[in-house]
Every structure is written in C-alpha cells, then in structure tokens.
Amino acid sequence: MALQKIYYEIFKAYDYEIIDTALNGIEAVQKFQLFSKKPDFIIMDYRMPLKNGIEATKEIIALNSRTKIIFASADSSIKELALSSGAISFLEKPFDIDNLISLIEEIIQII
C-alpha cells in the first residue's frame, strides 16, 4: 500500500490521473475487466498476494492485447518472463522516478 501512495503522489505531481489500484493480482484482473475505458498503462509488480504479476499480466493481455503494462520488480530474474508475458517494459526496483516518467511519456505518445 505504501508504494501505491508513492506512485499516487508522483503521478499527481506530473498531472497523471490514477484511475484505480489493486492490492493483489486477482483484484487487478477483476478491476481491469470492469473498466469501461481501459487505462493508458498499468504498473504491475511481481510479488502480490493471491496471484502474482506474471499471472495477472497474462490474463490482462488475454483480455486486451493492446494493454501497455510496465512491469516493476526487485526480482530481475523474472525480467524475460515478464516481457514474454506481454509487459511492454521492465523496471528493476529501485528505479529512478525520471526513468519511469520518461517511459510513461514514451508509452503515451504511441497510444
């Protein structure tokens, strides 16, 4: 939850809107299904309760293959798996906020 609050403050400072957050992988997939307007991008973590980020990414991509998922994890060993599961990019934690914002700006330009 603390990380979500940090993301919220960062995105607010850059005038990005957070449409929702999820505390676990099951909730992430369920909320994605309910969005009438899909988010421009999703930041996905690997270590989540109930369903990990790889599983959630695969399910979300299966629902909408155009979804842009930025995978953020301290576990660099899953980078290739995250990318092959459909993530558009992988950021190893801890990462520089400027790198995250630059990546988001790149993604938004291609939408």
N, C-alpha and C. Protein backbone atom coordinates (compact mmCIF):
# COMPACT_ATOMS: atom_id res chain seq x y z
N MET A 1 0.82 -1.20 0.00
CA MET A 1 0.00 0.00 0.00
C MET A 1 0.87 1.26 0.00
N ALA A 2 2.00 1.22 0.70
CA ALA A 2 2.87 2.39 0.77
C ALA A 2 3.40 2.77 -0.61
N LEU A 3 3.74 1.76 -1.42
CA LEU A 3 4.24 2.02 -2.77
C LEU A 3 3.16 2.65 -3.63
N GLN A 4 1.93 2.20 -3.49
CA GLN A 4 0.83 2.80 -4.24
C GLN A 4 0.67 4.28 -3.90
N LYS A 5 0.86 4.61 -2.64
CA LYS A 5 0.75 6.01 -2.21
C LYS A 5 1.87 6.85 -2.83
N ILE A 6 3.07 6.29 -2.91
CA ILE A 6 4.20 6.99 -3.53
C ILE A 6 3.91 7.23 -5.02
N TYR A 7 3.45 6.17 -5.72
CA TYR A 7 3.08 6.33 -7.13
C TYR A 7 2.02 7.42 -7.29
N TYR A 8 1.03 7.40 -6.41
CA TYR A 8 -0.05 8.39 -6.48
C TYR A 8 0.52 9.81 -6.40
N GLU A 9 1.39 10.04 -5.45
CA GLU A 9 1.96 11.38 -5.27
C GLU A 9 2.83 11.79 -6.46
N ILE A 10 3.60 10.84 -6.98
CA ILE A 10 4.44 11.13 -8.14
C ILE A 10 3.57 11.49 -9.34
N PHE A 11 2.59 10.65 -9.61
CA PHE A 11 1.74 10.88 -10.79
C PHE A 11 0.92 12.16 -10.65
N LYS A 12 0.48 12.45 -9.46
CA LYS A 12 -0.25 13.69 -9.21
C LYS A 12 0.65 14.90 -9.52
N ALA A 13 1.90 14.83 -9.12
CA ALA A 13 2.85 15.92 -9.38
C ALA A 13 3.09 16.13 -10.87
N TYR A 14 2.94 15.07 -11.66
CA TYR A 14 3.13 15.16 -13.11
C TYR A 14 1.81 15.26 -13.87
N ASP A 15 0.73 15.51 -13.15
CA ASP A 15 -0.62 15.65 -13.73
C ASP A 15 -1.13 14.40 -14.44
N TYR A 16 -0.74 13.22 -13.96
CA TYR A 16 -1.30 11.96 -14.45
C TYR A 16 -2.41 11.54 -13.50
N GLU A 17 -3.45 10.96 -14.05
CA GLU A 17 -4.57 10.51 -13.25
C GLU A 17 -4.46 9.01 -13.00
N ILE A 18 -4.60 8.61 -11.75
CA ILE A 18 -4.66 7.20 -11.40
C ILE A 18 -6.13 6.83 -11.34
N ILE A 19 -6.54 5.88 -12.17
CA ILE A 19 -7.96 5.54 -12.18
C ILE A 19 -8.31 4.46 -11.16
N ASP A 20 -7.31 3.69 -10.73
CA ASP A 20 -7.57 2.69 -9.69
C ASP A 20 -6.27 2.00 -9.30
N THR A 21 -6.31 1.29 -8.20
CA THR A 21 -5.20 0.48 -7.74
C THR A 21 -5.74 -0.88 -7.30
N ALA A 22 -4.86 -1.85 -7.21
CA ALA A 22 -5.25 -3.18 -6.75
C ALA A 22 -4.23 -3.67 -5.74
N LEU A 23 -4.71 -4.41 -4.77
CA LEU A 23 -3.83 -4.92 -3.71
C LEU A 23 -3.32 -6.32 -4.00
N ASN A 24 -3.88 -6.97 -5.03
CA ASN A 24 -3.43 -8.31 -5.40
C ASN A 24 -3.74 -8.57 -6.86
N GLY A 25 -3.20 -9.64 -7.39
CA GLY A 25 -3.35 -9.93 -8.81
C GLY A 25 -4.77 -10.24 -9.23
N ILE A 26 -5.52 -10.92 -8.39
CA ILE A 26 -6.92 -11.22 -8.72
C ILE A 26 -7.71 -9.92 -8.84
N GLU A 27 -7.52 -9.03 -7.87
CA GLU A 27 -8.22 -7.74 -7.89
C GLU A 27 -7.81 -6.93 -9.12
N ALA A 28 -6.56 -6.99 -9.51
CA ALA A 28 -6.09 -6.25 -10.69
C ALA A 28 -6.84 -6.70 -11.95
N VAL A 29 -6.96 -8.00 -12.13
CA VAL A 29 -7.65 -8.53 -13.31
C VAL A 29 -9.13 -8.18 -13.25
N GLN A 30 -9.75 -8.35 -12.09
CA GLN A 30 -11.18 -8.05 -11.95
C GLN A 30 -11.47 -6.59 -12.24
N LYS A 31 -10.66 -5.70 -11.69
CA LYS A 31 -10.88 -4.27 -11.93
C LYS A 31 -10.67 -3.93 -13.40
N PHE A 32 -9.65 -4.51 -14.04
CA PHE A 32 -9.40 -4.26 -15.45
C PHE A 32 -10.62 -4.65 -16.28
N GLN A 33 -11.22 -5.78 -15.95
CA GLN A 33 -12.41 -6.24 -16.68
C GLN A 33 -13.56 -5.24 -16.57
N LEU A 34 -13.67 -4.57 -15.45
CA LEU A 34 -14.78 -3.66 -15.20
C LEU A 34 -14.60 -2.26 -15.79
N PHE A 35 -13.38 -1.90 -16.16
CA PHE A 35 -13.16 -0.56 -16.72
C PHE A 35 -13.90 -0.43 -18.05
N SER A 36 -14.72 0.60 -18.17
CA SER A 36 -15.35 0.86 -19.47
C SER A 36 -14.32 1.50 -20.40
N LYS A 37 -13.51 2.38 -19.87
CA LYS A 37 -12.39 2.95 -20.61
C LYS A 37 -11.12 2.38 -19.99
N LYS A 38 -10.37 1.64 -20.79
CA LYS A 38 -9.17 0.98 -20.29
C LYS A 38 -8.07 2.01 -20.00
N PRO A 39 -7.23 1.74 -19.01
CA PRO A 39 -6.15 2.69 -18.68
C PRO A 39 -5.11 2.78 -19.80
N ASP A 40 -4.43 3.92 -19.88
CA ASP A 40 -3.36 4.10 -20.87
C ASP A 40 -2.20 3.16 -20.59
N PHE A 41 -1.95 2.89 -19.32
CA PHE A 41 -0.89 1.96 -18.93
C PHE A 41 -1.17 1.44 -17.54
N ILE A 42 -0.53 0.33 -17.23
CA ILE A 42 -0.64 -0.30 -15.92
C ILE A 42 0.78 -0.52 -15.41
N ILE A 43 0.99 -0.22 -14.14
CA ILE A 43 2.25 -0.58 -13.50
C ILE A 43 1.97 -1.83 -12.68
N MET A 44 2.69 -2.89 -13.01
CA MET A 44 2.46 -4.20 -12.39
C MET A 44 3.68 -4.62 -11.60
N ASP A 45 3.44 -5.11 -10.40
CA ASP A 45 4.51 -5.67 -9.58
C ASP A 45 4.45 -7.19 -9.68
N TYR A 46 5.54 -7.84 -9.36
CA TYR A 46 5.59 -9.30 -9.42
C TYR A 46 5.01 -9.93 -8.15
N ARG A 47 5.50 -9.48 -7.03
CA ARG A 47 5.11 -10.10 -5.76
C ARG A 47 3.83 -9.48 -5.24
N MET A 48 2.75 -10.21 -5.47
CA MET A 48 1.44 -9.80 -4.97
C MET A 48 0.75 -11.02 -4.39
N PRO A 49 -0.12 -10.81 -3.41
CA PRO A 49 -0.85 -11.95 -2.87
C PRO A 49 -1.88 -12.50 -3.88
N LEU A 50 -2.25 -13.73 -3.70
CA LEU A 50 -3.32 -14.43 -4.43
C LEU A 50 -2.98 -14.76 -5.88
N LYS A 51 -2.34 -13.85 -6.58
CA LYS A 51 -1.94 -14.07 -7.97
C LYS A 51 -0.78 -13.14 -8.25
N ASN A 52 0.33 -13.68 -8.74
CA ASN A 52 1.50 -12.82 -8.96
C ASN A 52 1.32 -11.96 -10.22
N GLY A 53 2.24 -11.05 -10.41
CA GLY A 53 2.15 -10.10 -11.52
C GLY A 53 2.26 -10.75 -12.89
N ILE A 54 3.01 -11.84 -13.00
CA ILE A 54 3.11 -12.55 -14.29
C ILE A 54 1.75 -13.11 -14.67
N GLU A 55 1.10 -13.80 -13.73
CA GLU A 55 -0.22 -14.37 -14.00
C GLU A 55 -1.23 -13.28 -14.33
N ALA A 56 -1.22 -12.20 -13.56
CA ALA A 56 -2.16 -11.10 -13.80
C ALA A 56 -1.90 -10.45 -15.16
N THR A 57 -0.63 -10.26 -15.51
CA THR A 57 -0.27 -9.68 -16.81
C THR A 57 -0.81 -10.54 -17.94
N LYS A 58 -0.58 -11.84 -17.87
CA LYS A 58 -1.07 -12.75 -18.91
C LYS A 58 -2.58 -12.66 -19.07
N GLU A 59 -3.29 -12.61 -17.97
CA GLU A 59 -4.75 -12.54 -18.03
C GLU A 59 -5.23 -11.21 -18.61
N ILE A 60 -4.60 -10.13 -18.21
CA ILE A 60 -5.00 -8.82 -18.72
C ILE A 60 -4.69 -8.71 -20.21
N ILE A 61 -3.54 -9.18 -20.63
CA ILE A 61 -3.17 -9.16 -22.05
C ILE A 61 -4.14 -10.04 -22.85
N ALA A 62 -4.56 -11.16 -22.29
CA ALA A 62 -5.53 -12.02 -22.97
C ALA A 62 -6.87 -11.30 -23.15
N LEU A 63 -7.23 -10.45 -22.21
CA LEU A 63 -8.47 -9.68 -22.30
C LEU A 63 -8.36 -8.54 -23.31
N ASN A 64 -7.16 -7.93 -23.38
CA ASN A 64 -6.95 -6.80 -24.30
C ASN A 64 -5.46 -6.76 -24.65
N SER A 65 -5.13 -7.22 -25.83
CA SER A 65 -3.72 -7.34 -26.23
C SER A 65 -3.04 -5.99 -26.44
N ARG A 66 -3.80 -4.90 -26.49
CA ARG A 66 -3.21 -3.57 -26.68
C ARG A 66 -2.84 -2.89 -25.36
N THR A 67 -3.07 -3.56 -24.25
CA THR A 67 -2.79 -3.00 -22.94
C THR A 67 -1.28 -2.83 -22.75
N LYS A 68 -0.90 -1.66 -22.26
CA LYS A 68 0.51 -1.34 -22.01
C LYS A 68 0.81 -1.57 -20.53
N ILE A 69 1.61 -2.58 -20.25
CA ILE A 69 1.95 -2.91 -18.87
C ILE A 69 3.44 -2.67 -18.65
N ILE A 70 3.73 -1.84 -17.66
CA ILE A 70 5.10 -1.61 -17.21
C ILE A 70 5.30 -2.51 -16.00
N PHE A 71 6.22 -3.43 -16.10
CA PHE A 71 6.48 -4.36 -15.01
C PHE A 71 7.57 -3.76 -14.14
N ALA A 72 7.31 -3.67 -12.84
CA ALA A 72 8.29 -3.11 -11.90
C ALA A 72 8.53 -4.14 -10.80
N SER A 73 9.78 -4.57 -10.67
CA SER A 73 10.07 -5.59 -9.67
C SER A 73 11.53 -5.51 -9.23
N ALA A 74 11.76 -5.90 -7.99
CA ALA A 74 13.13 -6.00 -7.48
C ALA A 74 13.75 -7.33 -7.90
N ASP A 75 12.96 -8.23 -8.43
CA ASP A 75 13.42 -9.55 -8.84
C ASP A 75 13.78 -9.53 -10.32
N SER A 76 15.03 -9.21 -10.63
CA SER A 76 15.45 -9.08 -12.03
C SER A 76 15.46 -10.41 -12.76
N SER A 77 15.41 -11.51 -12.04
CA SER A 77 15.43 -12.83 -12.69
C SER A 77 14.14 -13.11 -13.47
N ILE A 78 13.10 -12.36 -13.23
CA ILE A 78 11.84 -12.59 -13.95
C ILE A 78 11.64 -11.60 -15.10
N LYS A 79 12.64 -10.81 -15.42
CA LYS A 79 12.52 -9.80 -16.47
C LYS A 79 12.06 -10.42 -17.80
N GLU A 80 12.76 -11.43 -18.27
CA GLU A 80 12.41 -12.03 -19.57
C GLU A 80 11.01 -12.63 -19.54
N LEU A 81 10.66 -13.25 -18.43
CA LEU A 81 9.33 -13.83 -18.29
C LEU A 81 8.25 -12.74 -18.33
N ALA A 82 8.52 -11.63 -17.65
CA ALA A 82 7.56 -10.51 -17.65
C ALA A 82 7.37 -9.97 -19.07
N LEU A 83 8.47 -9.79 -19.78
CA LEU A 83 8.38 -9.25 -21.14
C LEU A 83 7.72 -10.25 -22.09
N SER A 84 8.02 -11.52 -21.94
CA SER A 84 7.40 -12.53 -22.82
C SER A 84 5.93 -12.75 -22.46
N SER A 85 5.53 -12.33 -21.27
CA SER A 85 4.13 -12.44 -20.85
C SER A 85 3.27 -11.29 -21.37
N GLY A 86 3.93 -10.27 -21.95
CA GLY A 86 3.16 -9.18 -22.53
C GLY A 86 3.49 -7.79 -22.01
N ALA A 87 4.35 -7.70 -20.99
CA ALA A 87 4.73 -6.38 -20.49
C ALA A 87 5.51 -5.63 -21.58
N ILE A 88 5.27 -4.34 -21.68
CA ILE A 88 5.94 -3.52 -22.69
C ILE A 88 7.34 -3.11 -22.24
N SER A 89 7.55 -3.11 -20.91
CA SER A 89 8.83 -2.69 -20.36
C SER A 89 9.01 -3.28 -18.97
N PHE A 90 10.27 -3.32 -18.52
CA PHE A 90 10.58 -3.84 -17.20
C PHE A 90 11.48 -2.84 -16.49
N LEU A 91 11.07 -2.43 -15.31
CA LEU A 91 11.89 -1.54 -14.48
C LEU A 91 12.31 -2.30 -13.23
N GLU A 92 13.62 -2.35 -13.00
CA GLU A 92 14.11 -3.03 -11.81
C GLU A 92 14.09 -2.05 -10.64
N LYS A 93 13.47 -2.47 -9.55
CA LYS A 93 13.41 -1.64 -8.34
C LYS A 93 14.73 -1.76 -7.59
N PRO A 94 15.17 -0.73 -6.96
CA PRO A 94 14.61 0.62 -7.03
C PRO A 94 14.98 1.27 -8.36
N PHE A 95 14.08 2.06 -8.89
CA PHE A 95 14.34 2.74 -10.15
C PHE A 95 14.22 4.24 -9.97
N ASP A 96 14.79 4.95 -10.88
CA ASP A 96 14.77 6.41 -10.86
C ASP A 96 13.40 6.90 -11.35
N ILE A 97 12.80 7.81 -10.63
CA ILE A 97 11.48 8.34 -10.99
C ILE A 97 11.52 8.98 -12.37
N ASP A 98 12.60 9.68 -12.69
CA ASP A 98 12.70 10.30 -14.02
C ASP A 98 12.63 9.26 -15.13
N ASN A 99 13.23 8.08 -14.90
CA ASN A 99 13.16 7.00 -15.89
C ASN A 99 11.72 6.51 -16.05
N LEU A 100 11.00 6.39 -14.94
CA LEU A 100 9.60 5.97 -15.00
C LEU A 100 8.77 6.98 -15.78
N ILE A 101 8.94 8.25 -15.48
CA ILE A 101 8.16 9.29 -16.15
C ILE A 101 8.51 9.33 -17.64
N SER A 102 9.77 9.20 -17.98
CA SER A 102 10.17 9.17 -19.40
C SER A 102 9.53 7.99 -20.12
N LEU A 103 9.53 6.86 -19.48
CA LEU A 103 8.91 5.67 -20.07
C LEU A 103 7.42 5.88 -20.27
N ILE A 104 6.76 6.44 -19.30
CA ILE A 104 5.32 6.71 -19.41
C ILE A 104 5.05 7.68 -20.55
N GLU A 105 5.85 8.72 -20.66
CA GLU A 105 5.67 9.68 -21.75
C GLU A 105 5.85 9.02 -23.12
N GLU A 106 6.81 8.10 -23.23
CA GLU A 106 7.01 7.36 -24.48
C GLU A 106 5.78 6.52 -24.80
N ILE A 107 5.25 5.85 -23.80
CA ILE A 107 4.08 4.99 -23.99
C ILE A 107 2.87 5.82 -24.41
N ILE A 108 2.67 6.93 -23.76
CA ILE A 108 1.51 7.78 -24.09
C ILE A 108 1.60 8.31 -25.51
N GLN A 109 2.79 8.58 -25.98
CA GLN A 109 2.97 9.09 -27.36
C GLN A 109 2.61 8.04 -28.40
N ILE A 110 2.75 6.75 -28.08
CA ILE A 110 2.43 5.72 -29.07
C ILE A 110 1.00 5.22 -28.98
N ILE A 111 0.25 5.72 -28.02
CA ILE A 111 -1.15 5.28 -27.86
C ILE A 111 -2.01 5.90 -28.94
